[in-house]
Amino acid sequence: MKNRKKIIIFGAGGHHKVILSELKKLNDFNVLAIIGKEGNIVKSDAPENETYSLQELDKLSSLIDSNTYGIVAVGFNYLRQKIVDDVSKNLKNLKWATIISKDSIVSPDVSIDEGSVVVSGSIVNTHTKIGKHCIINTGSCIEHENIFDDYVSCGPKVTTGGNVKIKSSSFIGMRSVIQHNISIGKNTVIGANSFVNRDCGDNMIYYGNPAEFIRKRENDENYLKSNKV
């Protein structure tokens, strides 16, 4: 029986259920705790079933050893980055897991950095680079030589052409298609079902077929229906 690593999941909303499903199939980790923001947790194998919240990260330090990893299960890019920053500051010895679904296809020469998740049914093609704490959601097709900077995420069934560049903290809505050789700026949102056939700037919202500029947005403006952790 292989030596399984331990993992702490930060976030107890809907996305953590996806993470749990992928972890179960991989069978590489024992879930030590799933930590929410309200002072209680969904699950804990910690000593005496202690409870922790995102406001009490320092209390987790006694549970962490060289075989303990973390993953942030939060879809909202801004909040995911904030949690990563808070955890890294309080739990300096914690390493970040990279979770690649058994039911995905990832070319051997693809680079996927720490904290990122590739969900079932996704394809990530040759020479693509996925940064830190990204989410490639269910059934997405990321073509050759894409570059996703840190904290980028996409909804289910996103398709990108070759040589697409998406800068940090941007979000691509479900079923959107990005034409080859397109660049999307940082902190930008592409609405669901959009077709992007031209470059997009920073801190903006686009949607439509073809996608049109709608308005500027703030970095912390939530594009999801709920910001529950």
C-alpha atoms as a PDB file:
ATOM      1  CA  MET A   1       0.000   0.000   0.000  1.00  0.00           C
ATOM      2  CA  LYS A   2       1.501   3.323  -1.050  1.00  0.00           C
ATOM      3  CA  ASN A   3       2.414   6.001   1.440  1.00  0.00           C
ATOM      4  CA  ARG A   4      -0.400   8.502   1.180  1.00  0.00           C
ATOM      5  CA  LYS A   5       0.155  12.188   1.762  1.00  0.00           C
ATOM      6  CA  LYS A   6      -2.032  14.332   3.996  1.00  0.00           C
ATOM      7  CA  ILE A   7      -3.986  17.269   2.659  1.00  0.00           C
ATOM      8  CA  ILE A   8      -5.860  20.219   4.156  1.00  0.00           C
ATOM      9  CA  ILE A   9      -8.606  21.677   1.972  1.00  0.00           C
ATOM     10  CA  PHE A  10      -9.220  25.395   2.509  1.00  0.00           C
ATOM     11  CA  GLY A  11     -12.788  26.145   1.474  1.00  0.00           C
ATOM     12  CA  ALA A  12     -16.032  24.313   2.203  1.00  0.00           C
ATOM     13  CA  GLY A  13     -18.306  25.544  -0.588  1.00  0.00           C
ATOM     14  CA  GLY A  14     -19.339  23.754  -3.775  1.00  0.00           C
ATOM     15  CA  HIS A  15     -15.866  23.597  -5.309  1.00  0.00           C
ATOM     16  CA  HIS A  16     -14.487  21.581  -2.387  1.00  0.00           C
ATOM     17  CA  LYS A  17     -16.854  18.749  -3.369  1.00  0.00           C
ATOM     18  CA  VAL A  18     -15.208  18.644  -6.801  1.00  0.00           C
ATOM     19  CA  ILE A  19     -11.777  18.547  -5.158  1.00  0.00           C
ATOM     20  CA  LEU A  20     -12.882  15.717  -2.863  1.00  0.00           C
ATOM     21  CA  SER A  21     -14.181  13.722  -5.813  1.00  0.00           C
ATOM     22  CA  GLU A  22     -10.879  14.045  -7.652  1.00  0.00           C
ATOM     23  CA  LEU A  23      -8.858  13.171  -4.540  1.00  0.00           C
ATOM     24  CA  LYS A  24     -10.946  10.057  -3.999  1.00  0.00           C
ATOM     25  CA  LYS A  25     -10.171   8.814  -7.519  1.00  0.00           C
ATOM     26  CA  LEU A  26      -6.466   9.578  -7.207  1.00  0.00           C
ATOM     27  CA  ASN A  27      -6.184   7.884  -3.799  1.00  0.00           C
ATOM     28  CA  ASP A  28      -2.932   9.760  -3.117  1.00  0.00           C
ATOM     29  CA  PHE A  29      -4.069  11.794  -0.095  1.00  0.00           C
ATOM     30  CA  ASN A  30      -5.738  11.406   3.259  1.00  0.00           C
ATOM     31  CA  VAL A  31      -7.913  14.449   3.929  1.00  0.00           C
ATOM     32  CA  LEU A  32      -6.787  15.876   7.251  1.00  0.00           C
ATOM     33  CA  ALA A  33      -9.321  18.706   7.375  1.00  0.00           C
ATOM     34  CA  ILE A  34     -11.722  20.771   5.282  1.00  0.00           C
ATOM     35  CA  ILE A  35     -11.708  24.263   6.687  1.00  0.00           C
ATOM     36  CA  GLY A  36     -14.387  26.923   6.242  1.00  0.00           C
ATOM     37  CA  LYS A  37     -14.584  30.513   7.414  1.00  0.00           C
ATOM     38  CA  GLU A  38     -17.256  30.265  10.107  1.00  0.00           C
ATOM     39  CA  GLY A  39     -15.288  28.465  12.805  1.00  0.00           C
ATOM     40  CA  ASN A  40     -16.334  24.923  11.996  1.00  0.00           C
ATOM     41  CA  ILE A  41     -15.134  22.301   9.567  1.00  0.00           C
ATOM     42  CA  VAL A  42     -16.788  19.650   7.465  1.00  0.00           C
ATOM     43  CA  LYS A  43     -14.297  16.920   8.302  1.00  0.00           C
ATOM     44  CA  SER A  44     -11.276  16.493  10.520  1.00  0.00           C
ATOM     45  CA  ASP A  45      -8.868  13.678  11.224  1.00  0.00           C
ATOM     46  CA  ALA A  46      -6.934  16.042  13.448  1.00  0.00           C
ATOM     47  CA  PRO A  47      -6.207  15.099  17.077  1.00  0.00           C
ATOM     48  CA  GLU A  48      -9.345  15.093  19.239  1.00  0.00           C
ATOM     49  CA  ASN A  49     -11.362  16.250  16.225  1.00  0.00           C
ATOM     50  CA  GLU A  50     -10.361  19.847  16.872  1.00  0.00           C
ATOM     51  CA  THR A  51     -12.069  22.540  14.800  1.00  0.00           C
ATOM     52  CA  TYR A  52     -10.411  25.423  13.021  1.00  0.00           C
ATOM     53  CA  SER A  53     -11.453  28.351  10.861  1.00  0.00           C
ATOM     54  CA  LEU A  54      -9.721  30.527   8.311  1.00  0.00           C
ATOM     55  CA  GLN A  55      -9.365  33.097  11.086  1.00  0.00           C
ATOM     56  CA  GLU A  56      -7.351  30.643  13.215  1.00  0.00           C
ATOM     57  CA  LEU A  57      -4.739  29.382  10.776  1.00  0.00           C
ATOM     58  CA  ASP A  58      -1.901  29.573  13.297  1.00  0.00           C
ATOM     59  CA  LYS A  59      -3.558  26.809  15.340  1.00  0.00           C
ATOM     60  CA  LEU A  60      -3.037  24.353  12.475  1.00  0.00           C
ATOM     61  CA  SER A  61       0.750  24.500  12.622  1.00  0.00           C
ATOM     62  CA  SER A  62       1.035  21.574  15.043  1.00  0.00           C
ATOM     63  CA  LEU A  63      -0.671  19.273  12.481  1.00  0.00           C
ATOM     64  CA  ILE A  64       1.730  20.006   9.637  1.00  0.00           C
ATOM     65  CA  ASP A  65       4.750  17.869   8.844  1.00  0.00           C
ATOM     66  CA  SER A  66       6.838  17.204   5.730  1.00  0.00           C
ATOM     67  CA  ASN A  67       4.055  15.009   4.300  1.00  0.00           C
ATOM     68  CA  THR A  68       1.263  17.614   4.605  1.00  0.00           C
ATOM     69  CA  TYR A  69      -0.090  19.590   1.663  1.00  0.00           C
ATOM     70  CA  GLY A  70      -2.791  22.178   1.125  1.00  0.00           C
ATOM     71  CA  ILE A  71      -5.220  23.086  -1.653  1.00  0.00           C
ATOM     72  CA  VAL A  72      -7.578  26.078  -1.829  1.00  0.00           C
ATOM     73  CA  ALA A  73     -11.008  24.955  -3.034  1.00  0.00           C
ATOM     74  CA  VAL A  74     -12.455  28.378  -3.882  1.00  0.00           C
ATOM     75  CA  GLY A  75     -13.582  29.331  -7.362  1.00  0.00           C
ATOM     76  CA  PHE A  76     -13.394  33.128  -7.013  1.00  0.00           C
ATOM     77  CA  ASN A  77      -9.857  34.066  -8.079  1.00  0.00           C
ATOM     78  CA  TYR A  78      -9.459  37.105  -5.831  1.00  0.00           C
ATOM     79  CA  LEU A  79     -10.569  35.208  -2.736  1.00  0.00           C
ATOM     80  CA  ARG A  80      -8.470  32.157  -3.627  1.00  0.00           C
ATOM     81  CA  GLN A  81      -5.365  34.348  -3.812  1.00  0.00           C
ATOM     82  CA  LYS A  82      -6.207  36.048  -0.516  1.00  0.00           C
ATOM     83  CA  ILE A  83      -6.541  32.676   1.215  1.00  0.00           C
ATOM     84  CA  VAL A  84      -3.270  31.444  -0.311  1.00  0.00           C
ATOM     85  CA  ASP A  85      -1.504  34.579   0.946  1.00  0.00           C
ATOM     86  CA  ASP A  86      -2.989  34.219   4.448  1.00  0.00           C
ATOM     87  CA  VAL A  87      -2.187  30.511   4.684  1.00  0.00           C
ATOM     88  CA  SER A  88       1.360  30.970   3.392  1.00  0.00           C
ATOM     89  CA  LYS A  89       1.986  33.700   5.960  1.00  0.00           C
ATOM     90  CA  ASN A  90       0.660  31.668   8.893  1.00  0.00           C
ATOM     91  CA  LEU A  91       1.707  28.138   7.863  1.00  0.00           C
ATOM     92  CA  LYS A  92       5.152  28.591   6.357  1.00  0.00           C
ATOM     93  CA  ASN A  93       5.929  24.852   6.249  1.00  0.00           C
ATOM     94  CA  LEU A  94       2.810  23.856   4.321  1.00  0.00           C
ATOM     95  CA  LYS A  95       3.380  22.739   0.736  1.00  0.00           C
ATOM     96  CA  TRP A  96       0.751  23.189  -1.967  1.00  0.00           C
ATOM     97  CA  ALA A  97      -0.636  20.169  -3.784  1.00  0.00           C
ATOM     98  CA  THR A  98      -1.191  19.974  -7.538  1.00  0.00           C
ATOM     99  CA  ILE A  99      -4.264  17.905  -8.413  1.00  0.00           C
ATOM    100  CA  ILE A 100      -4.597  16.452 -11.907  1.00  0.00           C
ATOM    101  CA  SER A 101      -7.653  14.271 -12.448  1.00  0.00           C
ATOM    102  CA  LYS A 102      -7.182  10.642 -13.451  1.00  0.00           C
ATOM    103  CA  ASP A 103      -9.918  11.347 -15.993  1.00  0.00           C
ATOM    104  CA  SER A 104      -8.069  14.182 -17.739  1.00  0.00           C
ATOM    105  CA  ILE A 105      -5.552  14.090 -20.598  1.00  0.00           C
ATOM    106  CA  VAL A 106      -2.420  16.149 -20.000  1.00  0.00           C
ATOM    107  CA  SER A 107       0.524  16.033 -22.404  1.00  0.00           C
ATOM    108  CA  PRO A 108       3.805  14.969 -20.753  1.00  0.00           C
ATOM    109  CA  ASP A 109       5.509  18.260 -21.595  1.00  0.00           C
ATOM    110  CA  VAL A 110       2.812  20.430 -19.989  1.00  0.00           C
ATOM    111  CA  SER A 111       3.893  22.441 -16.944  1.00  0.00           C
ATOM    112  CA  ILE A 112       1.343  22.750 -14.105  1.00  0.00           C
ATOM    113  CA  ASP A 113       2.477  24.692 -11.043  1.00  0.00           C
ATOM    114  CA  GLU A 114       1.643  24.216  -7.364  1.00  0.00           C
ATOM    115  CA  GLY A 115      -1.902  24.640  -6.095  1.00  0.00           C
ATOM    116  CA  SER A 116      -3.530  24.149  -9.490  1.00  0.00           C
ATOM    117  CA  VAL A 117      -6.366  21.741 -10.277  1.00  0.00           C
ATOM    118  CA  VAL A 118      -7.274  20.017 -13.545  1.00  0.00           C
ATOM    119  CA  VAL A 119     -10.776  18.528 -13.311  1.00  0.00           C
ATOM    120  CA  SER A 120     -12.230  15.425 -14.993  1.00  0.00           C
ATOM    121  CA  GLY A 121     -12.670  15.378 -18.756  1.00  0.00           C
ATOM    122  CA  SER A 122     -10.217  18.192 -19.430  1.00  0.00           C
ATOM    123  CA  ILE A 123      -7.497  18.111 -22.079  1.00  0.00           C
ATOM    124  CA  VAL A 124      -4.331  20.174 -21.696  1.00  0.00           C
ATOM    125  CA  ASN A 125      -2.243  19.968 -24.831  1.00  0.00           C
ATOM    126  CA  THR A 126       1.452  20.092 -25.592  1.00  0.00           C
ATOM    127  CA  HIS A 127       3.825  22.812 -24.339  1.00  0.00           C
ATOM    128  CA  THR A 128       1.118  24.585 -22.336  1.00  0.00           C
ATOM    129  CA  LYS A 129       2.092  26.255 -19.058  1.00  0.00           C
ATOM    130  CA  ILE A 130      -0.415  26.512 -16.206  1.00  0.00           C
ATOM    131  CA  GLY A 131       0.628  28.790 -13.342  1.00  0.00           C
ATOM    132  CA  LYS A 132       0.039  28.585  -9.596  1.00  0.00           C
ATOM    133  CA  HIS A 133      -3.420  28.032  -8.066  1.00  0.00           C
ATOM    134  CA  CYS A 134      -5.280  27.844 -11.388  1.00  0.00           C
ATOM    135  CA  ILE A 135      -8.492  25.908 -12.074  1.00  0.00           C
ATOM    136  CA  ILE A 136      -9.070  24.043 -15.333  1.00  0.00           C
ATOM    137  CA  ASN A 137     -12.667  23.012 -14.924  1.00  0.00           C
ATOM    138  CA  THR A 138     -14.675  20.029 -16.123  1.00  0.00           C
ATOM    139  CA  GLY A 139     -14.370  19.095 -19.790  1.00  0.00           C
ATOM    140  CA  SER A 140     -12.230  22.039 -20.855  1.00  0.00           C
ATOM    141  CA  CYS A 141      -9.857  21.829 -23.825  1.00  0.00           C
ATOM    142  CA  ILE A 142      -6.703  23.910 -23.465  1.00  0.00           C
ATOM    143  CA  GLU A 143      -4.773  23.690 -26.716  1.00  0.00           C
ATOM    144  CA  HIS A 144      -1.060  23.745 -27.510  1.00  0.00           C
ATOM    145  CA  GLU A 145       1.336  26.407 -26.192  1.00  0.00           C
ATOM    146  CA  ASN A 146      -1.159  28.229 -23.998  1.00  0.00           C
ATOM    147  CA  ILE A 147       0.092  30.253 -21.040  1.00  0.00           C
ATOM    148  CA  PHE A 148      -2.181  30.630 -18.018  1.00  0.00           C
ATOM    149  CA  ASP A 149      -0.667  32.935 -15.406  1.00  0.00           C
ATOM    150  CA  ASP A 150      -1.227  32.442 -11.663  1.00  0.00           C
ATOM    151  CA  TYR A 151      -4.811  32.358 -10.314  1.00  0.00           C
ATOM    152  CA  VAL A 152      -6.469  32.007 -13.720  1.00  0.00           C
ATOM    153  CA  SER A 153      -9.618  29.881 -13.783  1.00  0.00           C
ATOM    154  CA  CYS A 154     -12.089  28.662 -16.371  1.00  0.00           C
ATOM    155  CA  GLY A 155     -15.588  27.283 -16.114  1.00  0.00           C
ATOM    156  CA  PRO A 156     -16.652  23.902 -17.515  1.00  0.00           C
ATOM    157  CA  LYS A 157     -16.199  23.166 -21.240  1.00  0.00           C
ATOM    158  CA  VAL A 158     -14.008  26.152 -22.079  1.00  0.00           C
ATOM    159  CA  THR A 159     -12.039  25.758 -25.317  1.00  0.00           C
ATOM    160  CA  THR A 160      -8.911  27.684 -26.245  1.00  0.00           C
ATOM    161  CA  GLY A 161      -7.038  27.659 -29.526  1.00  0.00           C
ATOM    162  CA  GLY A 162      -3.276  27.446 -29.752  1.00  0.00           C
ATOM    163  CA  ASN A 163      -0.910  30.105 -28.356  1.00  0.00           C
ATOM    164  CA  VAL A 164      -3.516  31.731 -26.099  1.00  0.00           C
ATOM    165  CA  LYS A 165      -2.163  33.862 -23.240  1.00  0.00           C
ATOM    166  CA  ILE A 166      -4.330  34.543 -20.177  1.00  0.00           C
ATOM    167  CA  LYS A 167      -2.840  36.870 -17.576  1.00  0.00           C
ATOM    168  CA  SER A 168      -3.163  36.565 -13.813  1.00  0.00           C
ATOM    169  CA  SER A 169      -6.500  36.261 -11.997  1.00  0.00           C
ATOM    170  CA  SER A 170      -8.688  36.259 -15.099  1.00  0.00           C
ATOM    171  CA  PHE A 171     -11.764  34.057 -15.447  1.00  0.00           C
ATOM    172  CA  ILE A 172     -13.178  32.429 -18.572  1.00  0.00           C
ATOM    173  CA  GLY A 173     -16.870  31.577 -18.281  1.00  0.00           C
ATOM    174  CA  MET A 174     -18.318  28.162 -19.085  1.00  0.00           C
ATOM    175  CA  ARG A 175     -18.538  27.016 -22.715  1.00  0.00           C
ATOM    176  CA  SER A 176     -16.582  30.044 -23.939  1.00  0.00           C
ATOM    177  CA  VAL A 177     -14.239  29.688 -26.910  1.00  0.00           C
ATOM    178  CA  ILE A 178     -11.021  31.666 -27.318  1.00  0.00           C
ATOM    179  CA  GLN A 179      -9.550  31.841 -30.802  1.00  0.00           C
ATOM    180  CA  HIS A 180      -5.869  31.013 -31.343  1.00  0.00           C
ATOM    181  CA  ASN A 181      -3.178  33.686 -30.710  1.00  0.00           C
ATOM    182  CA  ILE A 182      -5.420  35.733 -28.402  1.00  0.00           C
ATOM    183  CA  SER A 183      -4.178  37.542 -25.271  1.00  0.00           C
ATOM    184  CA  ILE A 184      -6.472  38.255 -22.319  1.00  0.00           C
ATOM    185  CA  GLY A 185      -5.354  40.793 -19.702  1.00  0.00           C
ATOM    186  CA  LYS A 186      -5.190  40.373 -15.934  1.00  0.00           C
ATOM    187  CA  ASN A 187      -8.264  40.403 -13.660  1.00  0.00           C
ATOM    188  CA  THR A 188     -10.554  40.200 -16.668  1.00  0.00           C
ATOM    189  CA  VAL A 189     -13.787  38.215 -16.938  1.00  0.00           C
ATOM    190  CA  ILE A 190     -15.113  36.575 -20.103  1.00  0.00           C
ATOM    191  CA  GLY A 191     -18.812  35.797 -19.724  1.00  0.00           C
ATOM    192  CA  ALA A 192     -20.282  32.363 -20.389  1.00  0.00           C
ATOM    193  CA  ASN A 193     -20.863  31.189 -23.973  1.00  0.00           C
ATOM    194  CA  SER A 194     -18.644  33.897 -25.439  1.00  0.00           C
ATOM    195  CA  PHE A 195     -16.479  33.704 -28.558  1.00  0.00           C
ATOM    196  CA  VAL A 196     -13.290  35.735 -28.135  1.00  0.00           C
ATOM    197  CA  ASN A 197     -11.636  36.645 -31.439  1.00  0.00           C
ATOM    198  CA  ARG A 198      -9.580  39.673 -30.377  1.00  0.00           C
ATOM    199  CA  ASP A 199      -7.271  40.636 -27.527  1.00  0.00           C
ATOM    200  CA  CYS A 200      -8.855  41.750 -24.244  1.00  0.00           C
ATOM    201  CA  GLY A 201      -7.469  44.307 -21.790  1.00  0.00           C
ATOM    202  CA  ASP A 202      -6.917  44.325 -18.022  1.00  0.00           C
ATOM    203  CA  ASN A 203      -9.684  44.669 -15.401  1.00  0.00           C
ATOM    204  CA  MET A 204     -12.557  44.392 -17.849  1.00  0.00           C
ATOM    205  CA  ILE A 205     -15.688  42.346 -18.557  1.00  0.00           C
ATOM    206  CA  TYR A 206     -16.401  40.975 -22.036  1.00  0.00           C
ATOM    207  CA  TYR A 207     -19.113  38.690 -23.344  1.00  0.00           C
ATOM    208  CA  GLY A 208     -21.044  37.811 -26.485  1.00  0.00           C
ATOM    209  CA  ASN A 209     -20.483  36.205 -29.870  1.00  0.00           C
ATOM    210  CA  PRO A 210     -18.167  37.773 -30.780  1.00  0.00           C
ATOM    211  CA  ALA A 211     -17.219  39.003 -27.307  1.00  0.00           C
ATOM    212  CA  GLU A 212     -17.577  42.757 -26.771  1.00  0.00           C
ATOM    213  CA  PHE A 213     -16.223  45.039 -24.051  1.00  0.00           C
ATOM    214  CA  ILE A 214     -18.977  45.620 -21.473  1.00  0.00           C
ATOM    215  CA  ARG A 215     -17.367  47.621 -18.674  1.00  0.00           C
ATOM    216  CA  LYS A 216     -14.428  47.949 -16.309  1.00  0.00           C
ATOM    217  CA  ARG A 217     -14.331  45.863 -13.121  1.00  0.00           C
ATOM    218  CA  GLU A 218     -12.622  46.006  -9.723  1.00  0.00           C
ATOM    219  CA  ASN A 219     -10.134  43.303  -8.717  1.00  0.00           C
ATOM    220  CA  ASP A 220     -12.321  42.123  -5.826  1.00  0.00           C
ATOM    221  CA  GLU A 221     -15.630  42.238  -7.725  1.00  0.00           C
ATOM    222  CA  ASN A 222     -17.134  38.775  -7.486  1.00  0.00           C
ATOM    223  CA  TYR A 223     -18.223  37.308 -10.818  1.00  0.00           C
ATOM    224  CA  LEU A 224     -19.734  34.232  -9.136  1.00  0.00           C
ATOM    225  CA  LYS A 225     -23.181  34.082  -7.540  1.00  0.00           C
ATOM    226  CA  SER A 226     -21.816  33.506  -4.049  1.00  0.00           C
ATOM    227  CA  ASN A 227     -18.515  34.157  -2.292  1.00  0.00           C
ATOM    228  CA  LYS A 228     -19.082  31.491   0.353  1.00  0.00           C
ATOM    229  CA  VAL A 229     -15.928  29.693   1.394  1.00  0.00           C
END
